[in-house]
Amino acid sequence: NVGGKWISVTERLPERNAEVLVCDTREDYVSVWEHMGDGLWFGDEVIWATEDITHWMPLPEPPKGE
């Protein structure tokens, strides 16, 4: 995701089984979740419905070794 911009779930959803950063309706919560498709997300050992997730973005690349 160029520029690391948040994508609204009303604009589009990530691919099924993609792990992405998400922000939920609390707006101060950011975590890595997996988009399971069919309006469901998995993370923090629970499954949430899409209406609780408001925005997402792809994970950044990990740091390169020395």
PDB file of N, CA and C in Angstrom:
ATOM      1  N   ASN A   1       0.856  -1.179   0.000  1.00  0.00           N
ATOM      2  CA  ASN A   1       0.000   0.000   0.000  1.00  0.00           C
ATOM      3  C   ASN A   1       0.894   1.232   0.000  1.00  0.00           C
ATOM      4  N   VAL A   2       0.975   1.908  -1.088  1.00  0.00           N
ATOM      5  CA  VAL A   2       1.838   3.068  -1.225  1.00  0.00           C
ATOM      6  C   VAL A   2       1.400   4.158  -0.266  1.00  0.00           C
ATOM      7  N   GLY A   3       2.343   4.680   0.519  1.00  0.00           N
ATOM      8  CA  GLY A   3       2.033   5.754   1.445  1.00  0.00           C
ATOM      9  C   GLY A   3       1.427   5.285   2.755  1.00  0.00           C
ATOM     10  N   GLY A   4       1.160   3.986   2.902  1.00  0.00           N
ATOM     11  CA  GLY A   4       0.621   3.470   4.143  1.00  0.00           C
ATOM     12  C   GLY A   4      -0.706   4.091   4.540  1.00  0.00           C
ATOM     13  N   LYS A   5      -1.586   4.322   3.580  1.00  0.00           N
ATOM     14  CA  LYS A   5      -2.873   4.940   3.877  1.00  0.00           C
ATOM     15  C   LYS A   5      -3.909   3.890   4.256  1.00  0.00           C
ATOM     16  N   TRP A   6      -4.774   4.262   5.199  1.00  0.00           N
ATOM     17  CA  TRP A   6      -5.863   3.390   5.607  1.00  0.00           C
ATOM     18  C   TRP A   6      -6.894   3.290   4.495  1.00  0.00           C
ATOM     19  N   ILE A   7      -7.448   2.097   4.314  1.00  0.00           N
ATOM     20  CA  ILE A   7      -8.478   1.840   3.304  1.00  0.00           C
ATOM     21  C   ILE A   7      -9.785   1.543   4.049  1.00  0.00           C
ATOM     22  N   SER A   8     -10.828   2.249   3.714  1.00  0.00           N
ATOM     23  CA  SER A   8     -12.125   2.023   4.335  1.00  0.00           C
ATOM     24  C   SER A   8     -12.702   0.690   3.867  1.00  0.00           C
ATOM     25  N   VAL A   9     -13.328  -0.046   4.787  1.00  0.00           N
ATOM     26  CA  VAL A   9     -13.947  -1.314   4.399  1.00  0.00           C
ATOM     27  C   VAL A   9     -15.134  -1.088   3.472  1.00  0.00           C
ATOM     28  N   THR A  10     -15.656   0.132   3.428  1.00  0.00           N
ATOM     29  CA  THR A  10     -16.736   0.420   2.487  1.00  0.00           C
ATOM     30  C   THR A  10     -16.190   0.636   1.084  1.00  0.00           C
ATOM     31  N   GLU A  11     -14.880   0.957   0.984  1.00  0.00           N
ATOM     32  CA  GLU A  11     -14.236   1.121  -0.328  1.00  0.00           C
ATOM     33  C   GLU A  11     -13.897  -0.234  -0.927  1.00  0.00           C
ATOM     34  N   ARG A  12     -13.207  -1.071  -0.140  1.00  0.00           N
ATOM     35  CA  ARG A  12     -12.885  -2.431  -0.556  1.00  0.00           C
ATOM     36  C   ARG A  12     -12.327  -3.206   0.623  1.00  0.00           C
ATOM     37  N   LEU A  13     -12.362  -4.520   0.519  1.00  0.00           N
ATOM     38  CA  LEU A  13     -11.839  -5.409   1.552  1.00  0.00           C
ATOM     39  C   LEU A  13     -10.567  -6.084   1.051  1.00  0.00           C
ATOM     40  N   PRO A  14      -9.707  -6.521   1.970  1.00  0.00           N
ATOM     41  CA  PRO A  14      -8.516  -7.260   1.532  1.00  0.00           C
ATOM     42  C   PRO A  14      -8.922  -8.635   1.015  1.00  0.00           C
ATOM     43  N   GLU A  15      -7.983  -9.309   0.382  1.00  0.00           N
ATOM     44  CA  GLU A  15      -8.229 -10.660  -0.105  1.00  0.00           C
ATOM     45  C   GLU A  15      -8.498 -11.589   1.068  1.00  0.00           C
ATOM     46  N   ARG A  16      -9.233 -12.663   0.797  1.00  0.00           N
ATOM     47  CA  ARG A  16      -9.519 -13.663   1.827  1.00  0.00           C
ATOM     48  C   ARG A  16      -8.206 -14.236   2.367  1.00  0.00           C
ATOM     49  N   ASN A  17      -8.125 -14.431   3.652  1.00  0.00           N
ATOM     50  CA  ASN A  17      -6.973 -14.982   4.383  1.00  0.00           C
ATOM     51  C   ASN A  17      -5.774 -14.040   4.432  1.00  0.00           C
ATOM     52  N   ALA A  18      -5.932 -12.800   4.004  1.00  0.00           N
ATOM     53  CA  ALA A  18      -4.837 -11.833   4.095  1.00  0.00           C
ATOM     54  C   ALA A  18      -4.756 -11.285   5.517  1.00  0.00           C
ATOM     55  N   GLU A  19      -3.541 -11.236   6.073  1.00  0.00           N
ATOM     56  CA  GLU A  19      -3.329 -10.598   7.367  1.00  0.00           C
ATOM     57  C   GLU A  19      -3.007  -9.131   7.105  1.00  0.00           C
ATOM     58  N   VAL A  20      -3.741  -8.251   7.758  1.00  0.00           N
ATOM     59  CA  VAL A  20      -3.598  -6.812   7.552  1.00  0.00           C
ATOM     60  C   VAL A  20      -3.723  -6.086   8.883  1.00  0.00           C
ATOM     61  N   LEU A  21      -3.276  -4.832   8.922  1.00  0.00           N
ATOM     62  CA  LEU A  21      -3.551  -3.977  10.075  1.00  0.00           C
ATOM     63  C   LEU A  21      -4.989  -3.520   9.989  1.00  0.00           C
ATOM     64  N   VAL A  22      -5.701  -3.524  11.107  1.00  0.00           N
ATOM     65  CA  VAL A  22      -7.083  -3.052  11.109  1.00  0.00           C
ATOM     66  C   VAL A  22      -7.296  -2.018  12.208  1.00  0.00           C
ATOM     67  N   CYS A  23      -8.285  -1.181  12.000  1.00  0.00           N
ATOM     68  CA  CYS A  23      -8.749  -0.216  12.990  1.00  0.00           C
ATOM     69  C   CYS A  23     -10.241  -0.468  13.140  1.00  0.00           C
ATOM     70  N   ASP A  24     -10.724  -0.499  14.387  1.00  0.00           N
ATOM     71  CA  ASP A  24     -12.142  -0.802  14.577  1.00  0.00           C
ATOM     72  C   ASP A  24     -12.919   0.429  15.019  1.00  0.00           C
ATOM     73  N   THR A  25     -14.155   0.221  15.402  1.00  0.00           N
ATOM     74  CA  THR A  25     -15.051   1.323  15.733  1.00  0.00           C
ATOM     75  C   THR A  25     -14.597   2.126  16.941  1.00  0.00           C
ATOM     76  N   ARG A  26     -13.649   1.604  17.732  1.00  0.00           N
ATOM     77  CA  ARG A  26     -13.120   2.370  18.868  1.00  0.00           C
ATOM     78  C   ARG A  26     -12.135   3.436  18.402  1.00  0.00           C
ATOM     79  N   GLU A  27     -11.662   3.342  17.160  1.00  0.00           N
ATOM     80  CA  GLU A  27     -10.771   4.294  16.496  1.00  0.00           C
ATOM     81  C   GLU A  27      -9.374   4.407  17.096  1.00  0.00           C
ATOM     82  N   ASP A  28      -9.164   3.966  18.332  1.00  0.00           N
ATOM     83  CA  ASP A  28      -7.817   4.012  18.897  1.00  0.00           C
ATOM     84  C   ASP A  28      -7.218   2.612  18.990  1.00  0.00           C
ATOM     85  N   TYR A  29      -7.906   1.628  18.414  1.00  0.00           N
ATOM     86  CA  TYR A  29      -7.452   0.244  18.441  1.00  0.00           C
ATOM     87  C   TYR A  29      -6.894  -0.126  17.082  1.00  0.00           C
ATOM     88  N   VAL A  30      -5.634  -0.565  17.053  1.00  0.00           N
ATOM     89  CA  VAL A  30      -5.007  -1.038  15.821  1.00  0.00           C
ATOM     90  C   VAL A  30      -4.347  -2.376  16.132  1.00  0.00           C
ATOM     91  N   SER A  31      -4.574  -3.370  15.282  1.00  0.00           N
ATOM     92  CA  SER A  31      -4.007  -4.688  15.495  1.00  0.00           C
ATOM     93  C   SER A  31      -3.915  -5.424  14.169  1.00  0.00           C
ATOM     94  N   VAL A  32      -3.229  -6.564  14.160  1.00  0.00           N
ATOM     95  CA  VAL A  32      -3.153  -7.406  12.966  1.00  0.00           C
ATOM     96  C   VAL A  32      -4.272  -8.433  13.032  1.00  0.00           C
ATOM     97  N   TRP A  33      -5.084  -8.471  11.983  1.00  0.00           N
ATOM     98  CA  TRP A  33      -6.193  -9.409  11.895  1.00  0.00           C
ATOM     99  C   TRP A  33      -6.158 -10.081  10.526  1.00  0.00           C
ATOM    100  N   GLU A  34      -6.809 -11.220  10.437  1.00  0.00           N
ATOM    101  CA  GLU A  34      -6.927 -11.946   9.174  1.00  0.00           C
ATOM    102  C   GLU A  34      -8.346 -11.770   8.636  1.00  0.00           C
ATOM    103  N   HIS A  35      -8.451 -11.368   7.368  1.00  0.00           N
ATOM    104  CA  HIS A  35      -9.765 -11.255   6.745  1.00  0.00           C
ATOM    105  C   HIS A  35     -10.176 -12.639   6.276  1.00  0.00           C
ATOM    106  N   MET A  36     -11.254 -13.173   6.849  1.00  0.00           N
ATOM    107  CA  MET A  36     -11.687 -14.532   6.558  1.00  0.00           C
ATOM    108  C   MET A  36     -12.693 -14.594   5.414  1.00  0.00           C
ATOM    109  N   GLY A  37     -13.135 -13.437   4.930  1.00  0.00           N
ATOM    110  CA  GLY A  37     -14.177 -13.412   3.910  1.00  0.00           C
ATOM    111  C   GLY A  37     -15.543 -13.545   4.571  1.00  0.00           C
ATOM    112  N   ASP A  38     -16.577 -13.433   3.762  1.00  0.00           N
ATOM    113  CA  ASP A  38     -17.955 -13.577   4.250  1.00  0.00           C
ATOM    114  C   ASP A  38     -18.258 -12.647   5.420  1.00  0.00           C
ATOM    115  N   GLY A  39     -17.613 -11.472   5.461  1.00  0.00           N
ATOM    116  CA  GLY A  39     -17.897 -10.491   6.506  1.00  0.00           C
ATOM    117  C   GLY A  39     -17.287 -10.784   7.857  1.00  0.00           C
ATOM    118  N   LEU A  40     -16.286 -11.676   7.911  1.00  0.00           N
ATOM    119  CA  LEU A  40     -15.688 -12.038   9.190  1.00  0.00           C
ATOM    120  C   LEU A  40     -14.189 -11.764   9.218  1.00  0.00           C
ATOM    121  N   TRP A  41     -13.693 -11.434  10.408  1.00  0.00           N
ATOM    122  CA  TRP A  41     -12.276 -11.174  10.664  1.00  0.00           C
ATOM    123  C   TRP A  41     -11.841 -12.008  11.858  1.00  0.00           C
ATOM    124  N   PHE A  42     -10.581 -12.483  11.862  1.00  0.00           N
ATOM    125  CA  PHE A  42     -10.052 -13.258  12.976  1.00  0.00           C
ATOM    126  C   PHE A  42      -8.814 -12.576  13.527  1.00  0.00           C
ATOM    127  N   GLY A  43      -8.793 -12.382  14.827  1.00  0.00           N
ATOM    128  CA  GLY A  43      -7.635 -11.815  15.502  1.00  0.00           C
ATOM    129  C   GLY A  43      -7.887 -11.788  16.992  1.00  0.00           C
ATOM    130  N   ASP A  44      -6.822 -11.672  17.766  1.00  0.00           N
ATOM    131  CA  ASP A  44      -6.948 -11.662  19.229  1.00  0.00           C
ATOM    132  C   ASP A  44      -7.769 -12.842  19.729  1.00  0.00           C
ATOM    133  N   GLU A  45      -7.678 -13.979  19.025  1.00  0.00           N
ATOM    134  CA  GLU A  45      -8.359 -15.224  19.393  1.00  0.00           C
ATOM    135  C   GLU A  45      -9.889 -15.139  19.338  1.00  0.00           C
ATOM    136  N   VAL A  46     -10.413 -14.147  18.621  1.00  0.00           N
ATOM    137  CA  VAL A  46     -11.866 -14.028  18.460  1.00  0.00           C
ATOM    138  C   VAL A  46     -12.190 -13.748  17.004  1.00  0.00           C
ATOM    139  N   ILE A  47     -13.452 -13.924  16.646  1.00  0.00           N
ATOM    140  CA  ILE A  47     -13.927 -13.597  15.306  1.00  0.00           C
ATOM    141  C   ILE A  47     -14.864 -12.405  15.423  1.00  0.00           C
ATOM    142  N   TRP A  48     -14.632 -11.382  14.575  1.00  0.00           N
ATOM    143  CA  TRP A  48     -15.476 -10.185  14.562  1.00  0.00           C
ATOM    144  C   TRP A  48     -16.185 -10.077  13.235  1.00  0.00           C
ATOM    145  N   ALA A  49     -17.313  -9.406  13.256  1.00  0.00           N
ATOM    146  CA  ALA A  49     -18.035  -9.113  12.026  1.00  0.00           C
ATOM    147  C   ALA A  49     -17.452  -7.870  11.385  1.00  0.00           C
ATOM    148  N   THR A  50     -17.567  -7.774  10.064  1.00  0.00           N
ATOM    149  CA  THR A  50     -16.997  -6.646   9.326  1.00  0.00           C
ATOM    150  C   THR A  50     -17.479  -5.304   9.852  1.00  0.00           C
ATOM    151  N   GLU A  51     -18.713  -5.207  10.343  1.00  0.00           N
ATOM    152  CA  GLU A  51     -19.200  -3.899  10.774  1.00  0.00           C
ATOM    153  C   GLU A  51     -18.400  -3.323  11.943  1.00  0.00           C
ATOM    154  N   ASP A  52     -17.638  -4.163  12.658  1.00  0.00           N
ATOM    155  CA  ASP A  52     -16.797  -3.661  13.741  1.00  0.00           C
ATOM    156  C   ASP A  52     -15.467  -3.119  13.238  1.00  0.00           C
ATOM    157  N   ILE A  53     -15.023  -3.560  12.067  1.00  0.00           N
ATOM    158  CA  ILE A  53     -13.776  -3.092  11.463  1.00  0.00           C
ATOM    159  C   ILE A  53     -14.122  -1.943  10.523  1.00  0.00           C
ATOM    160  N   THR A  54     -13.425  -0.807  10.676  1.00  0.00           N
ATOM    161  CA  THR A  54     -13.734   0.350   9.831  1.00  0.00           C
ATOM    162  C   THR A  54     -12.711   0.567   8.723  1.00  0.00           C
ATOM    163  N   HIS A  55     -11.421   0.270   8.992  1.00  0.00           N
ATOM    164  CA  HIS A  55     -10.345   0.525   8.031  1.00  0.00           C
ATOM    165  C   HIS A  55      -9.292  -0.565   8.135  1.00  0.00           C
ATOM    166  N   TRP A  56      -8.501  -0.710   7.069  1.00  0.00           N
ATOM    167  CA  TRP A  56      -7.415  -1.683   7.054  1.00  0.00           C
ATOM    168  C   TRP A  56      -6.287  -1.163   6.157  1.00  0.00           C
ATOM    169  N   MET A  57      -5.106  -1.766   6.317  1.00  0.00           N
ATOM    170  CA  MET A  57      -3.981  -1.505   5.410  1.00  0.00           C
ATOM    171  C   MET A  57      -3.065  -2.717   5.409  1.00  0.00           C
ATOM    172  N   PRO A  58      -2.368  -2.934   4.285  1.00  0.00           N
ATOM    173  CA  PRO A  58      -1.431  -4.061   4.222  1.00  0.00           C
ATOM    174  C   PRO A  58      -0.334  -3.911   5.275  1.00  0.00           C
ATOM    175  N   LEU A  59       0.209  -5.046   5.711  1.00  0.00           N
ATOM    176  CA  LEU A  59       1.327  -5.024   6.650  1.00  0.00           C
ATOM    177  C   LEU A  59       2.567  -4.468   5.952  1.00  0.00           C
ATOM    178  N   PRO A  60       3.405  -3.730   6.680  1.00  0.00           N
ATOM    179  CA  PRO A  60       4.660  -3.253   6.077  1.00  0.00           C
ATOM    180  C   PRO A  60       5.632  -4.411   5.889  1.00  0.00           C
ATOM    181  N   GLU A  61       6.615  -4.218   5.039  1.00  0.00           N
ATOM    182  CA  GLU A  61       7.671  -5.206   4.856  1.00  0.00           C
ATOM    183  C   GLU A  61       8.493  -5.288   6.154  1.00  0.00           C
ATOM    184  N   PRO A  62       8.927  -6.491   6.544  1.00  0.00           N
ATOM    185  CA  PRO A  62       9.776  -6.606   7.748  1.00  0.00           C
ATOM    186  C   PRO A  62      11.144  -5.990   7.477  1.00  0.00           C
ATOM    187  N   PRO A  63      11.876  -5.612   8.526  1.00  0.00           N
ATOM    188  CA  PRO A  63      13.196  -5.032   8.326  1.00  0.00           C
ATOM    189  C   PRO A  63      14.146  -6.049   7.693  1.00  0.00           C
ATOM    190  N   LYS A  64      15.075  -5.564   6.900  1.00  0.00           N
ATOM    191  CA  LYS A  64      16.077  -6.428   6.264  1.00  0.00           C
ATOM    192  C   LYS A  64      17.217  -6.683   7.243  1.00  0.00           C
ATOM    193  N   GLY A  65      17.787  -7.892   7.191  1.00  0.00           N
ATOM    194  CA  GLY A  65      18.906  -8.254   8.064  1.00  0.00           C
ATOM    195  C   GLY A  65      20.166  -7.476   7.674  1.00  0.00           C
ATOM    196  N   GLU A  66      21.080  -7.380   8.595  1.00  0.00           N
ATOM    197  CA  GLU A  66      22.343  -6.661   8.371  1.00  0.00           C
ATOM    198  C   GLU A  66      23.236  -7.433   7.439  1.00  0.00           C
TER     199      GLU A  66
END
